[in-house]
Amino acid sequence: YYNMENISELHIWLDEYSISHENSVNILICKICVPAIAFTILGFPWSISMPLPKFTRENLGNISSRIIRILVVRFT
C-alpha cells in the first residue's frame, strides 16, 4: 500500500537532488565528503574490539569488519 502523497513528495525531493548535483561545486563537495563520511562511519567502530572464537584470525574481531562482511553477503 503506497500513499500517493508520499510518492509525490519523494519525486519532488529526487528532482531537487538531481538538479543540485548538476552544479560542479556540489559534485566536487560530494566527491570529497562522501568518502570522508564513509571512512568516519567505518573508522570509529573499527577501533572497538569484539571477542572471537579461537579458530578465527585476530584482525577479524572488530565491529566494522563484521558490518562490512554482512553487507557484502547481503548485497551480492
N, C-alpha and C. Protein backbone atom coordinates (compact mmCIF):
# COMPACT_ATOMS: atom_id res chain seq x y z
N TYR A 1 0.85 -1.17 0.00
CA TYR A 1 0.00 0.00 0.00
C TYR A 1 0.89 1.23 0.00
N TYR A 2 0.76 2.07 -1.00
CA TYR A 2 1.56 3.28 -1.11
C TYR A 2 0.66 4.50 -0.98
N ASN A 3 1.13 5.46 -0.25
CA ASN A 3 0.43 6.73 -0.13
C ASN A 3 0.92 7.63 -1.26
N MET A 4 0.03 8.05 -2.15
CA MET A 4 0.42 8.84 -3.31
C MET A 4 1.03 10.18 -2.92
N GLU A 5 0.61 10.72 -1.79
CA GLU A 5 1.19 11.99 -1.34
C GLU A 5 2.67 11.80 -1.02
N ASN A 6 3.01 10.70 -0.36
CA ASN A 6 4.41 10.44 -0.04
C ASN A 6 5.24 10.19 -1.29
N ILE A 7 4.65 9.52 -2.28
CA ILE A 7 5.37 9.25 -3.52
C ILE A 7 5.63 10.55 -4.26
N SER A 8 4.67 11.45 -4.30
CA SER A 8 4.89 12.72 -4.99
C SER A 8 5.93 13.56 -4.26
N GLU A 9 5.95 13.50 -2.93
CA GLU A 9 6.99 14.21 -2.18
C GLU A 9 8.36 13.62 -2.49
N LEU A 10 8.43 12.31 -2.64
CA LEU A 10 9.69 11.66 -2.98
C LEU A 10 10.16 12.11 -4.36
N HIS A 11 9.26 12.19 -5.32
CA HIS A 11 9.63 12.64 -6.66
C HIS A 11 10.14 14.08 -6.63
N ILE A 12 9.50 14.92 -5.86
CA ILE A 12 9.95 16.31 -5.74
C ILE A 12 11.35 16.35 -5.15
N TRP A 13 11.57 15.57 -4.09
CA TRP A 13 12.88 15.55 -3.44
C TRP A 13 13.95 15.03 -4.39
N LEU A 14 13.65 13.98 -5.13
CA LEU A 14 14.63 13.43 -6.07
C LEU A 14 14.91 14.39 -7.22
N ASP A 15 13.91 15.11 -7.68
CA ASP A 15 14.13 16.11 -8.72
C ASP A 15 15.05 17.22 -8.23
N GLU A 16 14.81 17.70 -7.01
CA GLU A 16 15.67 18.74 -6.44
C GLU A 16 17.09 18.22 -6.25
N TYR A 17 17.21 16.97 -5.83
CA TYR A 17 18.52 16.36 -5.64
C TYR A 17 19.29 16.28 -6.96
N SER A 18 18.61 15.86 -8.02
CA SER A 18 19.30 15.73 -9.31
C SER A 18 19.69 17.10 -9.86
N ILE A 19 18.86 18.10 -9.64
CA ILE A 19 19.20 19.45 -10.11
C ILE A 19 20.41 19.98 -9.36
N SER A 20 20.46 19.77 -8.05
CA SER A 20 21.58 20.29 -7.27
C SER A 20 22.89 19.58 -7.62
N HIS A 21 22.80 18.35 -8.13
CA HIS A 21 24.02 17.63 -8.48
C HIS A 21 24.45 17.87 -9.92
N GLU A 22 23.85 18.83 -10.58
CA GLU A 22 24.35 19.28 -11.87
C GLU A 22 25.37 20.39 -11.68
N ASN A 23 25.38 21.00 -10.51
CA ASN A 23 26.31 22.07 -10.19
C ASN A 23 27.69 21.47 -9.91
N SER A 24 28.74 21.99 -10.56
CA SER A 24 30.07 21.41 -10.43
C SER A 24 30.63 21.52 -9.02
N VAL A 25 30.26 22.58 -8.29
CA VAL A 25 30.73 22.72 -6.91
C VAL A 25 30.11 21.63 -6.03
N ASN A 26 28.83 21.35 -6.21
CA ASN A 26 28.18 20.29 -5.43
C ASN A 26 28.77 18.92 -5.76
N ILE A 27 29.10 18.70 -7.02
CA ILE A 27 29.71 17.42 -7.41
C ILE A 27 31.06 17.27 -6.73
N LEU A 28 31.85 18.33 -6.71
CA LEU A 28 33.16 18.29 -6.05
C LEU A 28 33.01 18.04 -4.55
N ILE A 29 32.07 18.71 -3.93
CA ILE A 29 31.83 18.51 -2.50
C ILE A 29 31.45 17.06 -2.23
N CYS A 30 30.59 16.49 -3.06
CA CYS A 30 30.18 15.09 -2.87
C CYS A 30 31.36 14.14 -3.05
N LYS A 31 32.22 14.42 -4.02
CA LYS A 31 33.37 13.55 -4.25
C LYS A 31 34.35 13.58 -3.09
N ILE A 32 34.40 14.68 -2.36
CA ILE A 32 35.29 14.79 -1.21
C ILE A 32 34.61 14.30 0.06
N CYS A 33 33.39 14.72 0.28
CA CYS A 33 32.73 14.47 1.57
C CYS A 33 32.17 13.06 1.71
N VAL A 34 31.65 12.47 0.67
CA VAL A 34 31.06 11.13 0.79
C VAL A 34 32.10 10.10 1.22
N PRO A 35 33.30 10.05 0.61
CA PRO A 35 34.30 9.11 1.12
C PRO A 35 34.74 9.43 2.55
N ALA A 36 34.83 10.72 2.90
CA ALA A 36 35.21 11.09 4.26
C ALA A 36 34.16 10.63 5.27
N ILE A 37 32.90 10.76 4.92
CA ILE A 37 31.82 10.31 5.80
C ILE A 37 31.86 8.79 5.93
N ALA A 38 32.05 8.09 4.82
CA ALA A 38 32.12 6.62 4.87
C ALA A 38 33.30 6.16 5.71
N PHE A 39 34.45 6.81 5.54
CA PHE A 39 35.64 6.47 6.33
C PHE A 39 35.37 6.68 7.82
N THR A 40 34.70 7.77 8.17
CA THR A 40 34.39 8.05 9.56
C THR A 40 33.41 7.03 10.13
N ILE A 41 32.38 6.71 9.36
CA ILE A 41 31.37 5.75 9.84
C ILE A 41 32.00 4.39 10.08
N LEU A 42 32.94 3.97 9.22
CA LEU A 42 33.59 2.68 9.42
C LEU A 42 34.79 2.78 10.36
N GLY A 43 35.41 3.95 10.44
CA GLY A 43 36.62 4.10 11.25
C GLY A 43 36.37 4.05 12.74
N PHE A 44 35.34 4.69 13.22
CA PHE A 44 35.08 4.68 14.66
C PHE A 44 34.75 3.28 15.17
N PRO A 45 33.84 2.54 14.56
CA PRO A 45 33.58 1.19 15.06
C PRO A 45 34.78 0.25 14.86
N TRP A 46 35.68 0.57 13.91
CA TRP A 46 36.83 -0.28 13.67
C TRP A 46 37.71 -0.38 14.92
N SER A 47 37.69 0.65 15.75
CA SER A 47 38.54 0.66 16.94
C SER A 47 37.94 -0.14 18.10
N ILE A 48 36.72 -0.63 17.95
CA ILE A 48 36.06 -1.39 19.02
C ILE A 48 36.32 -2.87 18.80
N SER A 49 37.01 -3.50 19.74
CA SER A 49 37.31 -4.93 19.63
C SER A 49 36.12 -5.76 20.06
N MET A 50 36.03 -6.95 19.49
CA MET A 50 34.99 -7.89 19.88
C MET A 50 35.64 -9.25 20.10
N PRO A 51 35.16 -10.00 21.06
CA PRO A 51 35.72 -11.34 21.25
C PRO A 51 35.40 -12.25 20.07
N LEU A 52 36.35 -13.09 19.73
CA LEU A 52 36.19 -14.00 18.60
C LEU A 52 36.40 -15.43 19.05
N PRO A 53 35.85 -16.38 18.31
CA PRO A 53 36.17 -17.78 18.60
C PRO A 53 37.67 -18.03 18.36
N LYS A 54 38.21 -19.04 18.96
CA LYS A 54 39.65 -19.33 18.89
C LYS A 54 40.13 -19.63 17.48
N PHE A 55 39.26 -20.16 16.60
CA PHE A 55 39.70 -20.58 15.27
C PHE A 55 39.80 -19.44 14.27
N THR A 56 39.41 -18.21 14.63
CA THR A 56 39.47 -17.09 13.69
C THR A 56 40.73 -16.28 13.90
N ARG A 57 41.08 -15.51 12.89
CA ARG A 57 42.25 -14.65 12.99
C ARG A 57 41.91 -13.44 13.84
N GLU A 58 42.92 -12.84 14.44
CA GLU A 58 42.69 -11.72 15.36
C GLU A 58 42.18 -10.47 14.63
N ASN A 59 42.61 -10.24 13.39
CA ASN A 59 42.24 -9.00 12.72
C ASN A 59 40.79 -8.97 12.24
N LEU A 60 40.03 -10.00 12.48
CA LEU A 60 38.62 -10.01 12.08
C LEU A 60 37.70 -9.60 13.22
N GLY A 61 38.26 -9.20 14.34
CA GLY A 61 37.44 -9.00 15.53
C GLY A 61 37.05 -7.59 15.83
N ASN A 62 36.57 -6.84 14.87
CA ASN A 62 36.03 -5.52 15.19
C ASN A 62 34.67 -5.37 14.53
N ILE A 63 33.95 -4.40 15.00
CA ILE A 63 32.56 -4.23 14.56
C ILE A 63 32.48 -3.88 13.07
N SER A 64 33.37 -3.01 12.60
CA SER A 64 33.30 -2.58 11.20
C SER A 64 33.52 -3.74 10.24
N SER A 65 34.48 -4.60 10.55
CA SER A 65 34.72 -5.72 9.63
C SER A 65 33.52 -6.66 9.60
N ARG A 66 32.85 -6.82 10.71
CA ARG A 66 31.65 -7.65 10.72
C ARG A 66 30.52 -6.99 9.93
N ILE A 67 30.38 -5.68 10.08
CA ILE A 67 29.35 -4.95 9.32
C ILE A 67 29.63 -5.08 7.83
N ILE A 68 30.89 -4.90 7.43
CA ILE A 68 31.24 -5.00 6.02
C ILE A 68 30.94 -6.39 5.48
N ARG A 69 31.29 -7.43 6.24
CA ARG A 69 31.01 -8.80 5.79
C ARG A 69 29.52 -9.03 5.63
N ILE A 70 28.73 -8.55 6.58
CA ILE A 70 27.28 -8.72 6.49
C ILE A 70 26.73 -8.01 5.26
N LEU A 71 27.18 -6.78 5.00
CA LEU A 71 26.69 -6.03 3.85
C LEU A 71 27.11 -6.67 2.54
N VAL A 72 28.34 -7.17 2.48
CA VAL A 72 28.80 -7.81 1.25
C VAL A 72 27.98 -9.06 0.97
N VAL A 73 27.75 -9.86 1.99
CA VAL A 73 26.95 -11.08 1.80
C VAL A 73 25.52 -10.73 1.43
N ARG A 74 24.98 -9.71 2.08
CA ARG A 74 23.57 -9.34 1.86
C ARG A 74 23.33 -8.78 0.46
N PHE A 75 24.26 -7.95 -0.04
CA PHE A 75 24.01 -7.23 -1.29
C PHE A 75 24.77 -7.80 -2.48
N THR A 76 25.33 -9.00 -2.36
CA THR A 76 25.97 -9.60 -3.54
C THR A 76 25.26 -10.85 -3.94
